[in-house]
PDB file of N, CA and C in Angstrom:
ATOM      1  N   UNK A   1       0.837  -1.179   0.000  1.00  0.00           N
ATOM      2  CA  UNK A   1       0.000   0.000   0.000  1.00  0.00           C
ATOM      3  C   UNK A   1       0.886   1.248   0.000  1.00  0.00           C
ATOM      4  N   UNK A   2       0.517   2.195  -0.806  1.00  0.00           N
ATOM      5  CA  UNK A   2       1.249   3.451  -0.919  1.00  0.00           C
ATOM      6  C   UNK A   2       0.709   4.436   0.119  1.00  0.00           C
ATOM      7  N   UNK A   3       1.591   5.173   0.731  1.00  0.00           N
ATOM      8  CA  UNK A   3       1.186   6.174   1.718  1.00  0.00           C
ATOM      9  C   UNK A   3       0.552   7.388   1.041  1.00  0.00           C
ATOM     10  N   UNK A   4      -0.359   8.003   1.726  1.00  0.00           N
ATOM     11  CA  UNK A   4      -1.068   9.188   1.256  1.00  0.00           C
ATOM     12  C   UNK A   4      -0.109  10.319   0.904  1.00  0.00           C
ATOM     13  N   UNK A   5       0.967  10.466   1.663  1.00  0.00           N
ATOM     14  CA  UNK A   5       1.925  11.535   1.435  1.00  0.00           C
ATOM     15  C   UNK A   5       2.631  11.397   0.089  1.00  0.00           C
ATOM     16  N   UNK A   6       2.898  10.155  -0.331  1.00  0.00           N
ATOM     17  CA  UNK A   6       3.553   9.917  -1.618  1.00  0.00           C
ATOM     18  C   UNK A   6       2.639  10.327  -2.766  1.00  0.00           C
ATOM     19  N   UNK A   7       1.363  10.007  -2.653  1.00  0.00           N
ATOM     20  CA  UNK A   7       0.400  10.396  -3.682  1.00  0.00           C
ATOM     21  C   UNK A   7       0.235  11.909  -3.708  1.00  0.00           C
ATOM     22  N   UNK A   8       0.154  12.535  -2.553  1.00  0.00           N
ATOM     23  CA  UNK A   8       0.004  13.991  -2.481  1.00  0.00           C
ATOM     24  C   UNK A   8       1.201  14.697  -3.098  1.00  0.00           C
ATOM     25  N   UNK A   9       2.400  14.169  -2.901  1.00  0.00           N
ATOM     26  CA  UNK A   9       3.595  14.776  -3.487  1.00  0.00           C
ATOM     27  C   UNK A   9       3.571  14.682  -5.005  1.00  0.00           C
ATOM     28  N   UNK A  10       3.146  13.556  -5.545  1.00  0.00           N
ATOM     29  CA  UNK A  10       3.097  13.386  -7.000  1.00  0.00           C
ATOM     30  C   UNK A  10       2.001  14.235  -7.632  1.00  0.00           C
ATOM     31  N   UNK A  11       0.938  14.506  -6.905  1.00  0.00           N
ATOM     32  CA  UNK A  11      -0.164  15.306  -7.456  1.00  0.00           C
ATOM     33  C   UNK A  11       0.259  16.742  -7.764  1.00  0.00           C
ATOM     34  N   UNK A  12       1.406  17.180  -7.219  1.00  0.00           N
ATOM     35  CA  UNK A  12       1.909  18.518  -7.532  1.00  0.00           C
ATOM     36  C   UNK A  12       2.272  18.673  -8.998  1.00  0.00           C
ATOM     37  N   UNK A  13       2.544  17.567  -9.702  1.00  0.00           N
ATOM     38  CA  UNK A  13       2.923  17.642 -11.111  1.00  0.00           C
ATOM     39  C   UNK A  13       1.741  17.471 -12.051  1.00  0.00           C
ATOM     40  N   UNK A  14       0.579  17.133 -11.536  1.00  0.00           N
ATOM     41  CA  UNK A  14      -0.596  16.921 -12.389  1.00  0.00           C
ATOM     42  C   UNK A  14      -1.133  18.271 -12.852  1.00  0.00           C
ATOM     43  N   UNK A  15      -1.457  18.371 -14.142  1.00  0.00           N
ATOM     44  CA  UNK A  15      -1.948  19.631 -14.695  1.00  0.00           C
ATOM     45  C   UNK A  15      -3.424  19.854 -14.358  1.00  0.00           C
ATOM     46  N   UNK A  16      -3.823  21.090 -14.316  1.00  0.00           N
ATOM     47  CA  UNK A  16      -5.225  21.451 -14.128  1.00  0.00           C
ATOM     48  C   UNK A  16      -5.866  21.887 -15.439  1.00  0.00           C
ATOM     49  N   UNK A  17      -5.092  21.852 -16.524  1.00  0.00           N
ATOM     50  CA  UNK A  17      -5.568  22.270 -17.840  1.00  0.00           C
ATOM     51  C   UNK A  17      -6.485  21.190 -18.409  1.00  0.00           C
ATOM     52  N   UNK A  18      -7.760  21.513 -18.604  1.00  0.00           N
ATOM     53  CA  UNK A  18      -8.730  20.520 -19.066  1.00  0.00           C
ATOM     54  C   UNK A  18      -8.495  20.099 -20.515  1.00  0.00           C
ATOM     55  N   UNK A  19      -7.729  20.888 -21.287  1.00  0.00           N
ATOM     56  CA  UNK A  19      -7.445  20.476 -22.658  1.00  0.00           C
ATOM     57  C   UNK A  19      -6.355  19.405 -22.700  1.00  0.00           C
ATOM     58  N   UNK A  20      -5.659  19.198 -21.599  1.00  0.00           N
ATOM     59  CA  UNK A  20      -4.639  18.154 -21.504  1.00  0.00           C
ATOM     60  C   UNK A  20      -5.086  17.096 -20.502  1.00  0.00           C
ATOM     61  N   UNK A  21      -6.263  16.547 -20.733  1.00  0.00           N
ATOM     62  CA  UNK A  21      -6.866  15.607 -19.790  1.00  0.00           C
ATOM     63  C   UNK A  21      -6.001  14.371 -19.567  1.00  0.00           C
ATOM     64  N   UNK A  22      -5.185  14.004 -20.548  1.00  0.00           N
ATOM     65  CA  UNK A  22      -4.347  12.813 -20.422  1.00  0.00           C
ATOM     66  C   UNK A  22      -3.190  13.034 -19.450  1.00  0.00           C
ATOM     67  N   UNK A  23      -2.951  14.273 -19.032  1.00  0.00           N
ATOM     68  CA  UNK A  23      -1.913  14.574 -18.042  1.00  0.00           C
ATOM     69  C   UNK A  23      -2.504  14.815 -16.659  1.00  0.00           C
ATOM     70  N   UNK A  24      -3.760  14.453 -16.469  1.00  0.00           N
ATOM     71  CA  UNK A  24      -4.425  14.629 -15.180  1.00  0.00           C
ATOM     72  C   UNK A  24      -4.518  13.295 -14.450  1.00  0.00           C
ATOM     73  N   UNK A  25      -3.398  12.607 -14.352  1.00  0.00           N
ATOM     74  CA  UNK A  25      -3.409  11.306 -13.696  1.00  0.00           C
ATOM     75  C   UNK A  25      -2.041  11.020 -13.092  1.00  0.00           C
ATOM     76  N   UNK A  26      -2.002   9.974 -12.293  1.00  0.00           N
ATOM     77  CA  UNK A  26      -0.747   9.502 -11.716  1.00  0.00           C
ATOM     78  C   UNK A  26      -0.638   8.013 -12.006  1.00  0.00           C
ATOM     79  N   UNK A  27       0.584   7.500 -11.930  1.00  0.00           N
ATOM     80  CA  UNK A  27       0.816   6.076 -12.093  1.00  0.00           C
ATOM     81  C   UNK A  27       1.385   5.540 -10.795  1.00  0.00           C
ATOM     82  N   UNK A  28       0.826   4.453 -10.312  1.00  0.00           N
ATOM     83  CA  UNK A  28       1.336   3.779  -9.116  1.00  0.00           C
ATOM     84  C   UNK A  28       1.899   2.443  -9.582  1.00  0.00           C
ATOM     85  N   UNK A  29       3.195   2.238  -9.359  1.00  0.00           N
ATOM     86  CA  UNK A  29       3.849   1.023  -9.829  1.00  0.00           C
ATOM     87  C   UNK A  29       3.910  -0.024  -8.724  1.00  0.00           C
ATOM     88  N   UNK A  30       4.240  -1.247  -9.118  1.00  0.00           N
ATOM     89  CA  UNK A  30       4.281  -2.343  -8.150  1.00  0.00           C
ATOM     90  C   UNK A  30       5.478  -2.270  -7.212  1.00  0.00           C
ATOM     91  N   UNK A  31       6.475  -1.437  -7.535  1.00  0.00           N
ATOM     92  CA  UNK A  31       7.635  -1.310  -6.645  1.00  0.00           C
ATOM     93  C   UNK A  31       7.528  -0.068  -5.761  1.00  0.00           C
ATOM     94  N   UNK A  32       6.312   0.341  -5.450  1.00  0.00           N
ATOM     95  CA  UNK A  32       6.002   1.420  -4.505  1.00  0.00           C
ATOM     96  C   UNK A  32       6.477   2.790  -4.979  1.00  0.00           C
ATOM     97  N   UNK A  33       6.324   3.062  -6.278  1.00  0.00           N
ATOM     98  CA  UNK A  33       6.625   4.384  -6.815  1.00  0.00           C
ATOM     99  C   UNK A  33       5.338   5.021  -7.314  1.00  0.00           C
ATOM    100  N   UNK A  34       5.282   6.348  -7.197  1.00  0.00           N
ATOM    101  CA  UNK A  34       4.168   7.124  -7.723  1.00  0.00           C
ATOM    102  C   UNK A  34       4.773   8.107  -8.723  1.00  0.00           C
ATOM    103  N   UNK A  35       4.270   8.112  -9.962  1.00  0.00           N
ATOM    104  CA  UNK A  35       4.833   8.930 -11.038  1.00  0.00           C
ATOM    105  C   UNK A  35       3.744   9.827 -11.589  1.00  0.00           C
ATOM    106  N   UNK A  36       4.093  11.107 -11.843  1.00  0.00           N
ATOM    107  CA  UNK A  36       3.145  12.053 -12.434  1.00  0.00           C
ATOM    108  C   UNK A  36       3.918  13.068 -13.264  1.00  0.00           C
ATOM    109  N   UNK A  37       3.265  13.630 -14.289  1.00  0.00           N
ATOM    110  CA  UNK A  37       3.871  14.671 -15.109  1.00  0.00           C
ATOM    111  C   UNK A  37       2.797  15.620 -15.613  1.00  0.00           C
ATOM    112  N   UNK A  38       3.232  16.848 -15.918  1.00  0.00           N
ATOM    113  CA  UNK A  38       2.330  17.806 -16.551  1.00  0.00           C
ATOM    114  C   UNK A  38       2.830  18.166 -17.946  1.00  0.00           C
ATOM    115  N   UNK A  39       3.781  17.411 -18.454  1.00  0.00           N
ATOM    116  CA  UNK A  39       4.352  17.670 -19.758  1.00  0.00           C
ATOM    117  C   UNK A  39       5.645  18.451 -19.677  1.00  0.00           C
ATOM    118  N   UNK A  40       5.878  19.137 -18.577  1.00  0.00           N
ATOM    119  CA  UNK A  40       7.105  19.901 -18.371  1.00  0.00           C
ATOM    120  C   UNK A  40       7.887  19.387 -17.177  1.00  0.00           C
ATOM    121  N   UNK A  41       7.187  18.937 -16.166  1.00  0.00           N
ATOM    122  CA  UNK A  41       7.795  18.464 -14.921  1.00  0.00           C
ATOM    123  C   UNK A  41       7.400  17.004 -14.727  1.00  0.00           C
ATOM    124  N   UNK A  42       8.370  16.178 -14.380  1.00  0.00           N
ATOM    125  CA  UNK A  42       8.124  14.777 -14.068  1.00  0.00           C
ATOM    126  C   UNK A  42       8.511  14.559 -12.618  1.00  0.00           C
ATOM    127  N   UNK A  43       7.602  13.996 -11.845  1.00  0.00           N
ATOM    128  CA  UNK A  43       7.880  13.694 -10.438  1.00  0.00           C
ATOM    129  C   UNK A  43       7.753  12.189 -10.242  1.00  0.00           C
ATOM    130  N   UNK A  44       8.776  11.615  -9.620  1.00  0.00           N
ATOM    131  CA  UNK A  44       8.741  10.212  -9.222  1.00  0.00           C
ATOM    132  C   UNK A  44       8.972  10.160  -7.727  1.00  0.00           C
ATOM    133  N   UNK A  45       8.023   9.612  -7.001  1.00  0.00           N
ATOM    134  CA  UNK A  45       8.117   9.495  -5.547  1.00  0.00           C
ATOM    135  C   UNK A  45       8.215   8.017  -5.216  1.00  0.00           C
ATOM    136  N   UNK A  46       9.256   7.640  -4.524  1.00  0.00           N
ATOM    137  CA  UNK A  46       9.411   6.251  -4.096  1.00  0.00           C
ATOM    138  C   UNK A  46       9.081   6.171  -2.617  1.00  0.00           C
ATOM    139  N   UNK A  47       8.114   5.345  -2.290  1.00  0.00           N
ATOM    140  CA  UNK A  47       7.700   5.157  -0.903  1.00  0.00           C
ATOM    141  C   UNK A  47       8.627   4.123  -0.271  1.00  0.00           C
ATOM    142  N   UNK A  48       9.562   4.582   0.555  1.00  0.00           N
ATOM    143  CA  UNK A  48      10.552   3.679   1.138  1.00  0.00           C
ATOM    144  C   UNK A  48      10.022   2.928   2.352  1.00  0.00           C
ATOM    145  N   UNK A  49       8.898   3.367   2.889  1.00  0.00           N
ATOM    146  CA  UNK A  49       8.302   2.671   4.032  1.00  0.00           C
ATOM    147  C   UNK A  49       6.822   2.422   3.771  1.00  0.00           C
ATOM    148  N   UNK A  50       6.503   1.570   2.795  1.00  0.00           N
ATOM    149  CA  UNK A  50       5.094   1.298   2.515  1.00  0.00           C
ATOM    150  C   UNK A  50       4.432   0.561   3.673  1.00  0.00           C
ATOM    151  N   UNK A  51       3.128   0.646   3.733  1.00  0.00           N
ATOM    152  CA  UNK A  51       2.381  -0.069   4.767  1.00  0.00           C
ATOM    153  C   UNK A  51       2.560  -1.564   4.580  1.00  0.00           C
ATOM    154  N   UNK A  52       2.652  -2.262   5.675  1.00  0.00           N
ATOM    155  CA  UNK A  52       2.756  -3.714   5.614  1.00  0.00           C
ATOM    156  C   UNK A  52       1.420  -4.306   5.184  1.00  0.00           C
ATOM    157  N   UNK A  53       1.475  -5.419   4.486  1.00  0.00           N
ATOM    158  CA  UNK A  53       0.248  -6.077   4.056  1.00  0.00           C
ATOM    159  C   UNK A  53      -0.622  -6.473   5.246  1.00  0.00           C
ATOM    160  N   UNK A  54       0.001  -6.736   6.391  1.00  0.00           N
ATOM    161  CA  UNK A  54      -0.753  -7.117   7.580  1.00  0.00           C
ATOM    162  C   UNK A  54      -1.646  -5.976   8.062  1.00  0.00           C
ATOM    163  N   UNK A  55      -1.284  -4.734   7.714  1.00  0.00           N
ATOM    164  CA  UNK A  55      -2.102  -3.587   8.114  1.00  0.00           C
ATOM    165  C   UNK A  55      -3.404  -3.516   7.331  1.00  0.00           C
ATOM    166  N   UNK A  56      -3.462  -4.215   6.195  1.00  0.00           N
ATOM    167  CA  UNK A  56      -4.634  -4.181   5.332  1.00  0.00           C
ATOM    168  C   UNK A  56      -5.047  -5.605   5.001  1.00  0.00           C
ATOM    169  N   UNK A  57      -5.745  -6.257   5.912  1.00  0.00           N
ATOM    170  CA  UNK A  57      -6.142  -7.645   5.667  1.00  0.00           C
ATOM    171  C   UNK A  57      -7.065  -7.740   4.450  1.00  0.00           C
ATOM    172  N   UNK A  58      -6.921  -8.819   3.724  1.00  0.00           N
ATOM    173  CA  UNK A  58      -7.697  -9.008   2.501  1.00  0.00           C
ATOM    174  C   UNK A  58      -8.621 -10.219   2.577  1.00  0.00           C
ATOM    175  N   UNK A  59      -8.983 -10.625   3.769  1.00  0.00           N
ATOM    176  CA  UNK A  59      -9.870 -11.772   3.927  1.00  0.00           C
ATOM    177  C   UNK A  59     -11.203 -11.479   3.239  1.00  0.00           C
ATOM    178  N   UNK A  60     -11.599 -12.369   2.365  1.00  0.00           N
ATOM    179  CA  UNK A  60     -12.867 -12.212   1.659  1.00  0.00           C
ATOM    180  C   UNK A  60     -12.745 -11.446   0.351  1.00  0.00           C
ATOM    181  N   UNK A  61     -11.563 -10.895   0.054  1.00  0.00           N
ATOM    182  CA  UNK A  61     -11.361 -10.175  -1.204  1.00  0.00           C
ATOM    183  C   UNK A  61     -10.669 -11.121  -2.179  1.00  0.00           C
ATOM    184  N   UNK A  62     -11.191 -11.263  -3.395  1.00  0.00           N
ATOM    185  CA  UNK A  62     -10.572 -12.198  -4.362  1.00  0.00           C
ATOM    186  C   UNK A  62      -9.144 -11.776  -4.700  1.00  0.00           C
ATOM    187  N   UNK A  63      -8.292 -12.760  -4.911  1.00  0.00           N
ATOM    188  CA  UNK A  63      -6.897 -12.522  -5.283  1.00  0.00           C
ATOM    189  C   UNK A  63      -6.835 -12.106  -6.752  1.00  0.00           C
ATOM    190  N   UNK A  64      -6.197 -10.973  -7.038  1.00  0.00           N
ATOM    191  CA  UNK A  64      -6.077 -10.484  -8.405  1.00  0.00           C
ATOM    192  C   UNK A  64      -4.639 -10.532  -8.897  1.00  0.00           C
ATOM    193  N   UNK A  65      -3.803 -11.322  -8.229  1.00  0.00           N
ATOM    194  CA  UNK A  65      -2.413 -11.446  -8.619  1.00  0.00           C
ATOM    195  C   UNK A  65      -2.332 -12.175  -9.968  1.00  0.00           C
ATOM    196  N   UNK A  66      -1.564 -11.607 -10.943  1.00  0.00           N
ATOM    197  CA  UNK A  66      -1.414 -12.312 -12.229  1.00  0.00           C
ATOM    198  C   UNK A  66      -0.752 -13.654 -12.048  1.00  0.00           C
ATOM    199  N   UNK A  67      -1.121 -14.595 -12.870  1.00  0.00           N
ATOM    200  CA  UNK A  67      -0.550 -15.949 -12.763  1.00  0.00           C
ATOM    201  C   UNK A  67       0.794 -16.023 -13.389  1.00  0.00           C
TER     202      UNK A  67
END
């Protein structure tokens, strides 16, 4: 799980220009990085202390891990 602070830091690079809707998003990778750009600035935030899986139990939630 990615920390809220990492997402908030990456959101600083997201554009507010509605004509560039494809730059109004962030990418969260499997190695705990959050990436965002506005076409001029690229921000990559690496969460070095992600939440442990034990903090977010998944009992009853189907496994979506690729085979």
